[in-house]
Amino acid sequence: MKFSTKAIHTGIESDPMTGAIMPPIYMTSTYEQEEPSVHKGYDYTRAGNPNFTILEKQIASLEKGKYATIFSSGLGALSALLSTFKQGDKVIALEGLYGGTFRLLDKVFSKFGIDYKLVSYADEKGLEAALEEKPALFLFETPTNPLLGIHDIAKLSKKAKKHGVLTLVDNTFATPYFQNPLELGADLVWHSTTKYIGGHSDIIGGAMVVNDKDLKQKLDFARMSVGLNPSPFDAWLLSRSIKTLALRMEKHESNAKKIADFLSSHKLISQVYYPGLTTHKDHEIAAKQMSGFSGIVSAEFNLSLDDMHYLISNFELFKLAESLGGIESLVCHPATMTHASIPKEIREAMGITDGLVRFSIGVEDSEDLLNDLKNSLSSIQKKLIAK
């Protein structure tokens, strides 16, 4: 089956009692047992729930994987995986991590003896040396947040496999609609389902997708033991949202291309980051491993911090907010919002400057979004002239 058909039909069966086309929400904490430990597959919702099972089948199918485990959040999913490691284990991560990922590694799990090291994608010798140390995990996101850097998944996964190291790819920005890391050699695919998979800014969730049964069992055990399960209602909402993922991603991408083209020609902007632009430094890699370029556009503005804050606080349609991937367009200032937890010297070395703005392009009419940008940019230009 093709993507949209799988998104609508995988894991979905009519309710046997009523014939309802859509599965009900199983809002229960516990389940009746015929006798001790004899049940219908569920005993306590922290360990499993029919809504979890349905969603896991959907996500695994779309990522072209065998198994998925869903969690209460994206960081909850990573916490579950890290909880399976032992003191002395190390995580190697490519620079360009989401601020929350950095914070979890740096401020939480480092206290329990799980070390981490950041390596530049461009430093091939440094990466090779880091992998030779046999870390427990090699982690990277592609496209990266917020600079939309692209990492060659097949090439990096092959390097890691040579050293017997598990590779985890954060596929949140691309979604399974545009990219399937497992097919390119990754061992685990990670999602904040809060973002595009949820798509309506009303759910917090996470997921891991794998092909290895032992990994699946470890992740399930960690979710149950650490208490990282979502609610059945959130799982049901995500199952609903997935059905329109293809439609939404097509519109996100279509709008993003138009926004990126417009911003590229504006004199207040020195650099636009969008992998769909042929001028993007990693465009060829993106075109090789992605079927589309998703809906995030970042831009470097030639403005002071005060003027930058004025600009992003005065859009009409672009709402100033953290997160991304919803149907509505959002704007954020990574240095003081999503990546503020990363120390300034590390953040600036990554290229996240005070002039950088990230746009999450929604599914509104592109003409209205462009007019909002034009009006706001015109307003800040008039403000600059009046100084």
Protein backbone atom coordinates (compact mmCIF):
# COMPACT_ATOMS: atom_id res chain seq x y z
CA MET A 1 0.00 0.00 0.00
CA LYS A 2 1.04 3.60 -0.61
CA PHE A 3 1.65 6.08 2.21
CA SER A 4 -1.78 7.73 2.43
CA THR A 5 -3.59 4.41 2.26
CA LYS A 6 -1.43 2.98 5.04
CA ALA A 7 -1.95 6.10 7.14
CA ILE A 8 -5.72 5.69 6.93
CA HIS A 9 -6.11 1.91 7.19
CA THR A 10 -3.15 0.35 9.05
CA GLY A 11 -4.12 -0.84 12.52
CA ILE A 12 -7.72 0.32 12.15
CA GLU A 13 -10.53 -2.21 12.49
CA SER A 14 -14.25 -1.66 12.98
CA ASP A 15 -15.33 -2.03 16.59
CA PRO A 16 -16.57 -5.63 17.02
CA MET A 17 -19.34 -4.63 19.44
CA THR A 18 -20.86 -1.66 17.59
CA GLY A 19 -19.39 -1.68 14.09
CA ALA A 20 -17.98 1.82 14.65
CA ILE A 21 -15.55 2.68 11.85
CA MET A 22 -13.27 4.67 14.16
CA PRO A 23 -11.74 2.90 17.18
CA PRO A 24 -13.02 4.07 20.56
CA ILE A 25 -10.87 5.76 23.20
CA TYR A 26 -9.99 3.11 25.76
CA MET A 27 -9.97 5.37 28.82
CA THR A 28 -9.18 2.70 31.35
CA SER A 29 -6.34 2.20 33.78
CA THR A 30 -6.88 -1.54 34.31
CA TYR A 31 -8.43 -4.61 32.68
CA GLU A 32 -10.45 -7.58 33.90
CA GLN A 33 -8.55 -10.88 33.99
CA GLU A 34 -10.06 -14.34 33.57
CA GLU A 35 -7.66 -15.63 36.23
CA PRO A 36 -4.31 -14.33 37.52
CA SER A 37 -2.10 -13.35 34.56
CA VAL A 38 -4.67 -14.61 32.03
CA HIS A 39 -6.03 -11.67 30.07
CA LYS A 40 -6.71 -10.36 26.57
CA GLY A 41 -3.26 -8.81 26.11
CA TYR A 42 -3.58 -5.90 28.53
CA ASP A 43 -3.38 -5.72 32.32
CA TYR A 44 -2.51 -2.08 33.15
CA THR A 45 -2.40 0.94 30.85
CA ARG A 46 1.08 2.00 31.93
CA ALA A 47 2.20 -1.26 30.27
CA GLY A 48 -0.16 -1.17 27.29
CA ASN A 49 -3.50 -0.05 25.91
CA PRO A 50 -5.43 -0.80 22.69
CA ASN A 51 -4.97 2.82 21.57
CA PHE A 52 -1.20 2.43 22.02
CA THR A 53 -1.24 -0.72 19.89
CA ILE A 54 -3.18 0.95 17.07
CA LEU A 55 -0.88 3.98 16.96
CA GLU A 56 2.27 1.88 17.14
CA LYS A 57 1.13 -0.15 14.13
CA GLN A 58 0.47 3.06 12.20
CA ILE A 59 3.81 4.71 12.98
CA ALA A 60 5.84 1.55 12.37
CA SER A 61 4.14 1.03 9.02
CA LEU A 62 4.76 4.61 7.86
CA GLU A 63 8.42 4.46 8.93
CA LYS A 64 8.75 1.10 7.13
CA GLY A 65 9.81 -0.51 10.40
CA LYS A 66 8.66 -3.60 12.26
CA TYR A 67 7.99 -2.14 15.70
CA ALA A 68 7.15 1.16 17.36
CA THR A 69 6.81 2.20 20.98
CA ILE A 70 4.97 5.40 21.85
CA PHE A 71 5.70 7.65 24.81
CA SER A 72 4.42 10.67 26.71
CA SER A 73 6.77 13.03 24.81
CA GLY A 74 9.72 13.08 22.46
CA LEU A 75 12.10 13.58 25.37
CA GLY A 76 10.27 10.81 27.21
CA ALA A 77 11.13 8.50 24.32
CA LEU A 78 14.82 9.41 24.52
CA SER A 79 14.73 9.10 28.32
CA ALA A 80 13.38 5.57 27.95
CA LEU A 81 16.21 4.60 25.62
CA LEU A 82 18.88 6.19 27.82
CA SER A 83 17.44 4.42 30.86
CA THR A 84 18.41 1.10 29.25
CA PHE A 85 22.10 2.13 29.36
CA LYS A 86 24.46 1.63 32.28
CA GLN A 87 26.90 3.82 34.14
CA GLY A 88 29.98 4.44 31.98
CA ASP A 89 28.13 4.22 28.67
CA LYS A 90 28.63 7.09 26.25
CA VAL A 91 26.47 8.83 23.65
CA ILE A 92 28.09 10.37 20.57
CA ALA A 93 25.97 13.11 19.02
CA LEU A 94 26.47 15.33 16.01
CA GLU A 95 26.43 19.05 16.66
CA GLY A 96 23.13 20.73 15.92
CA LEU A 97 21.00 19.05 18.56
CA TYR A 98 17.66 20.40 19.70
CA GLY A 99 18.12 22.31 22.97
CA GLY A 100 15.96 19.88 24.93
CA THR A 101 18.05 16.93 23.77
CA PHE A 102 21.22 18.70 24.83
CA ARG A 103 19.71 19.57 28.21
CA LEU A 104 18.62 15.96 28.83
CA LEU A 105 22.12 14.65 28.09
CA ASP A 106 23.99 17.45 29.83
CA LYS A 107 21.88 18.14 32.92
CA VAL A 108 20.12 14.84 33.63
CA PHE A 109 21.73 11.64 32.42
CA SER A 110 25.30 12.87 32.87
CA LYS A 111 24.58 12.82 36.62
CA PHE A 112 24.00 9.06 36.36
CA GLY A 113 27.30 8.35 34.67
CA ILE A 114 26.09 8.36 31.06
CA ASP A 115 28.53 10.66 29.28
CA TYR A 116 28.10 12.38 25.93
CA LYS A 117 30.32 13.96 23.33
CA LEU A 118 29.39 16.40 20.55
CA VAL A 119 31.17 15.93 17.23
CA SER A 120 31.08 18.08 14.11
CA TYR A 121 29.66 16.44 10.99
CA ALA A 122 32.56 17.97 9.05
CA ASP A 123 35.16 16.38 11.37
CA GLU A 124 35.34 12.91 9.84
CA LYS A 125 38.51 11.95 11.73
CA GLY A 126 37.00 13.10 15.01
CA LEU A 127 33.84 11.12 14.35
CA GLU A 128 35.81 8.01 13.43
CA ALA A 129 37.82 8.31 16.65
CA ALA A 130 34.66 8.80 18.71
CA LEU A 131 33.03 5.71 17.18
CA GLU A 132 36.16 3.66 17.84
CA GLU A 133 35.47 4.22 21.55
CA LYS A 134 32.40 1.95 21.13
CA PRO A 135 29.74 4.33 22.47
CA ALA A 136 26.33 2.89 23.35
CA LEU A 137 24.62 5.22 20.88
CA PHE A 138 25.31 7.49 17.92
CA LEU A 139 22.63 10.19 17.74
CA PHE A 140 21.85 12.87 15.17
CA GLU A 141 18.91 14.73 13.68
CA THR A 142 18.41 15.51 10.02
CA PRO A 143 17.29 18.07 9.02
CA THR A 144 18.78 19.74 12.09
CA ASN A 145 16.99 22.23 14.30
CA PRO A 146 17.06 25.16 13.58
CA LEU A 147 19.72 25.47 10.84
CA LEU A 148 18.28 22.74 8.61
CA GLY A 149 21.61 21.02 8.16
CA ILE A 150 21.45 17.67 6.37
CA HIS A 151 23.41 14.60 7.42
CA ASP A 152 23.98 11.65 5.10
CA ILE A 153 22.08 8.91 6.94
CA ALA A 154 23.35 6.00 4.86
CA LYS A 155 26.98 7.11 5.11
CA LEU A 156 26.84 7.75 8.86
CA SER A 157 24.91 4.56 9.65
CA LYS A 158 27.49 2.55 7.73
CA LYS A 159 30.31 4.14 9.75
CA ALA A 160 28.54 3.31 13.02
CA LYS A 161 27.79 -0.27 11.99
CA LYS A 162 31.47 -0.82 11.23
CA HIS A 163 32.11 -0.22 14.94
CA GLY A 164 29.02 -2.06 16.19
CA VAL A 165 27.37 1.18 17.37
CA LEU A 166 23.60 1.76 17.34
CA THR A 167 22.45 4.71 15.24
CA LEU A 168 19.47 6.82 16.29
CA VAL A 169 18.05 9.37 13.84
CA ASP A 170 15.67 12.10 14.96
CA ASN A 171 13.23 12.23 12.03
CA THR A 172 10.87 14.79 13.53
CA PHE A 173 11.49 17.53 10.96
CA ALA A 174 11.28 15.31 7.87
CA THR A 175 8.50 12.95 9.08
CA PRO A 176 8.09 9.48 7.58
CA TYR A 177 6.34 11.10 4.64
CA PHE A 178 9.58 12.61 3.36
CA GLN A 179 12.28 10.38 4.85
CA ASN A 180 12.69 6.80 6.18
CA PRO A 181 15.99 6.43 8.09
CA LEU A 182 15.57 2.69 8.77
CA GLU A 183 15.72 2.03 5.04
CA LEU A 184 18.98 3.99 4.96
CA GLY A 185 20.65 1.90 7.66
CA ALA A 186 19.62 3.51 10.97
CA ASP A 187 18.80 1.23 13.90
CA LEU A 188 16.28 3.50 15.60
CA VAL A 189 14.07 6.35 14.41
CA TRP A 190 12.94 8.92 16.95
CA HIS A 191 9.98 11.30 16.75
CA SER A 192 8.50 14.06 18.77
CA THR A 193 4.95 13.23 17.67
CA THR A 194 3.99 16.58 19.19
CA LYS A 195 5.15 18.15 15.94
CA TYR A 196 4.09 17.14 12.41
CA ILE A 197 2.63 13.74 13.27
CA GLY A 198 0.25 15.36 15.75
CA GLY A 199 0.06 18.40 13.54
CA HIS A 200 -2.55 20.43 15.44
CA SER A 201 -0.59 21.83 18.42
CA ASP A 202 -2.85 19.99 20.87
CA ILE A 203 -0.85 16.86 21.77
CA ILE A 204 2.44 16.06 23.49
CA GLY A 205 3.92 12.71 22.45
CA GLY A 206 6.94 10.75 21.28
CA ALA A 207 7.85 7.51 19.51
CA MET A 208 10.72 5.18 18.71
CA VAL A 209 10.67 2.86 15.69
CA VAL A 210 12.96 -0.16 15.32
CA ASN A 211 13.36 -3.42 13.41
CA ASP A 212 15.02 -5.33 16.25
CA LYS A 213 12.65 -7.20 18.57
CA ASP A 214 15.02 -7.00 21.55
CA LEU A 215 15.16 -3.21 21.22
CA LYS A 216 11.36 -3.09 21.06
CA GLN A 217 11.10 -5.13 24.26
CA LYS A 218 13.63 -2.89 26.03
CA LEU A 219 11.72 0.23 25.03
CA ASP A 220 8.39 -1.25 26.14
CA PHE A 221 9.91 -2.26 29.47
CA ALA A 222 11.40 1.20 29.98
CA ARG A 223 8.08 2.90 29.25
CA MET A 224 6.31 0.72 31.80
CA SER A 225 9.04 0.83 34.45
CA VAL A 226 9.85 4.53 34.30
CA GLY A 227 6.23 5.57 33.74
CA LEU A 228 6.64 7.27 30.35
CA ASN A 229 3.32 6.25 28.81
CA PRO A 230 0.98 8.69 27.06
CA SER A 231 -2.72 8.83 27.82
CA PRO A 232 -5.09 6.74 25.67
CA PHE A 233 -6.75 9.98 24.54
CA ASP A 234 -3.46 11.42 23.26
CA ALA A 235 -2.76 8.16 21.43
CA TRP A 236 -6.23 8.30 19.87
CA LEU A 237 -5.71 11.91 18.78
CA LEU A 238 -2.41 11.00 17.14
CA SER A 239 -4.05 8.07 15.31
CA ARG A 240 -6.59 10.55 13.96
CA SER A 241 -3.95 13.08 12.98
CA ILE A 242 -1.84 10.55 11.09
CA LYS A 243 -4.66 10.03 8.61
CA THR A 244 -4.09 13.51 7.15
CA LEU A 245 -0.29 13.58 7.47
CA ALA A 246 0.35 13.26 3.72
CA LEU A 247 -2.10 16.05 2.87
CA ARG A 248 -0.61 18.34 5.48
CA MET A 249 3.01 17.68 4.59
CA GLU A 250 2.37 18.45 0.92
CA LYS A 251 0.91 21.83 1.89
CA HIS A 252 3.60 22.58 4.49
CA GLU A 253 6.27 21.96 1.86
CA SER A 254 4.51 23.90 -0.88
CA ASN A 255 4.14 26.95 1.36
CA ALA A 256 7.68 26.64 2.72
CA LYS A 257 9.18 26.73 -0.77
CA LYS A 258 7.36 29.98 -1.52
CA ILE A 259 8.40 31.54 1.79
CA ALA A 260 12.03 30.48 1.32
CA ASP A 261 12.11 31.98 -2.18
CA PHE A 262 10.65 35.26 -0.91
CA LEU A 263 13.01 35.57 2.05
CA SER A 264 16.03 34.76 -0.14
CA SER A 265 15.59 37.99 -2.07
CA HIS A 266 14.97 40.34 0.87
CA LYS A 267 17.69 42.84 1.72
CA LEU A 268 17.21 42.54 5.49
CA ILE A 269 18.18 38.87 5.29
CA SER A 270 21.73 37.61 4.81
CA GLN A 271 21.07 33.86 4.73
CA VAL A 272 18.08 31.55 4.28
CA TYR A 273 18.24 27.95 5.45
CA TYR A 274 15.92 25.57 3.60
CA PRO A 275 17.13 22.27 2.10
CA GLY A 276 14.77 22.66 -0.84
CA LEU A 277 16.80 25.62 -2.13
CA THR A 278 19.46 24.63 -4.65
CA THR A 279 21.72 27.14 -2.89
CA HIS A 280 21.55 25.14 0.35
CA LYS A 281 24.97 23.62 1.04
CA ASP A 282 23.49 20.15 1.62
CA HIS A 283 20.82 20.25 -1.07
CA GLU A 284 22.24 17.29 -3.01
CA ILE A 285 22.29 15.04 0.07
CA ALA A 286 18.76 16.14 0.97
CA ALA A 287 17.52 15.40 -2.55
CA LYS A 288 19.14 11.93 -2.36
CA GLN A 289 17.59 10.80 0.92
CA MET A 290 14.38 12.85 1.13
CA SER A 291 11.36 12.84 -1.16
CA GLY A 292 10.47 16.39 -0.06
CA PHE A 293 11.90 19.15 2.12
CA SER A 294 9.24 19.68 4.80
CA GLY A 295 7.99 22.97 6.21
CA ILE A 296 10.68 24.66 8.33
CA VAL A 297 12.52 27.73 7.05
CA SER A 298 15.15 29.62 9.04
CA ALA A 299 16.67 32.97 8.17
CA GLU A 300 19.52 35.16 9.40
CA PHE A 301 18.37 38.78 9.75
CA ASN A 302 20.58 41.86 9.69
CA LEU A 303 18.87 43.35 12.73
CA SER A 304 19.75 44.21 16.31
CA LEU A 305 18.31 41.99 19.02
CA ASP A 306 15.75 44.65 19.97
CA ASP A 307 14.63 45.11 16.37
CA MET A 308 14.51 41.34 15.95
CA HIS A 309 12.22 40.99 18.95
CA TYR A 310 10.02 43.77 17.59
CA LEU A 311 9.76 42.06 14.20
CA ILE A 312 8.85 38.59 15.45
CA SER A 313 6.40 39.97 18.03
CA ASN A 314 4.34 41.88 15.49
CA PHE A 315 3.31 39.39 12.83
CA GLU A 316 -0.43 38.92 12.33
CA LEU A 317 -0.53 35.26 11.24
CA PHE A 318 2.86 33.96 12.37
CA LYS A 319 2.36 33.40 16.09
CA LEU A 320 5.40 33.83 18.34
CA ALA A 321 5.64 30.44 20.05
CA GLU A 322 7.86 27.45 20.63
CA SER A 323 7.26 24.11 18.89
CA LEU A 324 6.56 23.53 15.22
CA GLY A 325 4.73 21.32 12.75
CA GLY A 326 1.20 22.51 13.46
CA ILE A 327 -1.36 23.59 10.90
CA GLU A 328 -0.82 27.22 11.99
CA SER A 329 2.35 29.15 11.14
CA LEU A 330 4.72 29.91 14.01
CA VAL A 331 7.85 32.00 14.42
CA CYS A 332 10.50 31.70 17.12
CA HIS A 333 13.89 33.07 18.11
CA PRO A 334 16.02 29.97 18.81
CA ALA A 335 18.77 31.75 20.77
CA THR A 336 16.33 32.94 23.44
CA MET A 337 13.63 30.28 23.11
CA THR A 338 14.12 26.71 21.88
CA HIS A 339 17.92 26.62 22.27
CA ALA A 340 18.36 28.91 25.27
CA SER A 341 19.44 25.93 27.40
CA ILE A 342 22.60 25.54 25.30
CA PRO A 343 25.49 27.69 26.59
CA LYS A 344 26.02 30.80 24.46
CA GLU A 345 29.53 29.85 23.32
CA ILE A 346 28.38 26.41 22.16
CA ARG A 347 25.24 27.84 20.60
CA GLU A 348 27.14 30.45 18.59
CA ALA A 349 29.73 27.89 17.51
CA MET A 350 26.80 25.89 16.13
CA GLY A 351 25.70 28.94 14.12
CA ILE A 352 22.69 29.83 16.26
CA THR A 353 23.13 33.58 16.51
CA ASP A 354 20.93 36.36 17.84
CA GLY A 355 19.96 37.17 14.25
CA LEU A 356 18.52 33.72 13.50
CA VAL A 357 14.75 33.26 13.22
CA ARG A 358 12.93 29.97 12.63
CA PHE A 359 9.62 29.82 10.80
CA SER A 360 7.32 26.81 11.04
CA ILE A 361 5.24 27.21 7.90
CA GLY A 362 1.62 26.18 8.34
CA VAL A 363 -1.07 25.19 5.87
CA GLU A 364 -2.74 28.59 5.48
CA ASP A 365 -3.07 30.15 2.04
CA SER A 366 0.46 31.05 0.95
CA GLU A 367 -0.62 34.48 -0.32
CA ASP A 368 -1.79 35.46 3.17
CA LEU A 369 1.46 34.26 4.74
CA LEU A 370 3.53 36.17 2.22
CA ASN A 371 1.50 39.33 2.81
CA ASP A 372 2.06 38.99 6.57
CA LEU A 373 5.81 38.75 6.00
CA LYS A 374 5.84 41.67 3.58
CA ASN A 375 3.84 43.90 5.92
CA SER A 376 5.96 43.11 8.96
CA LEU A 377 9.25 43.54 7.10
CA SER A 378 8.01 46.82 5.66
CA SER A 379 7.11 47.98 9.16
CA ILE A 380 10.57 47.22 10.57
CA GLN A 381 12.22 48.95 7.61
CA LYS A 382 10.21 52.11 8.30
CA LYS A 383 11.21 51.85 11.96
CA LEU A 384 14.89 51.63 10.99
CA ILE A 385 14.64 54.64 8.65
CA ALA A 386 12.99 56.68 11.41
CA LYS A 387 15.87 56.08 13.84
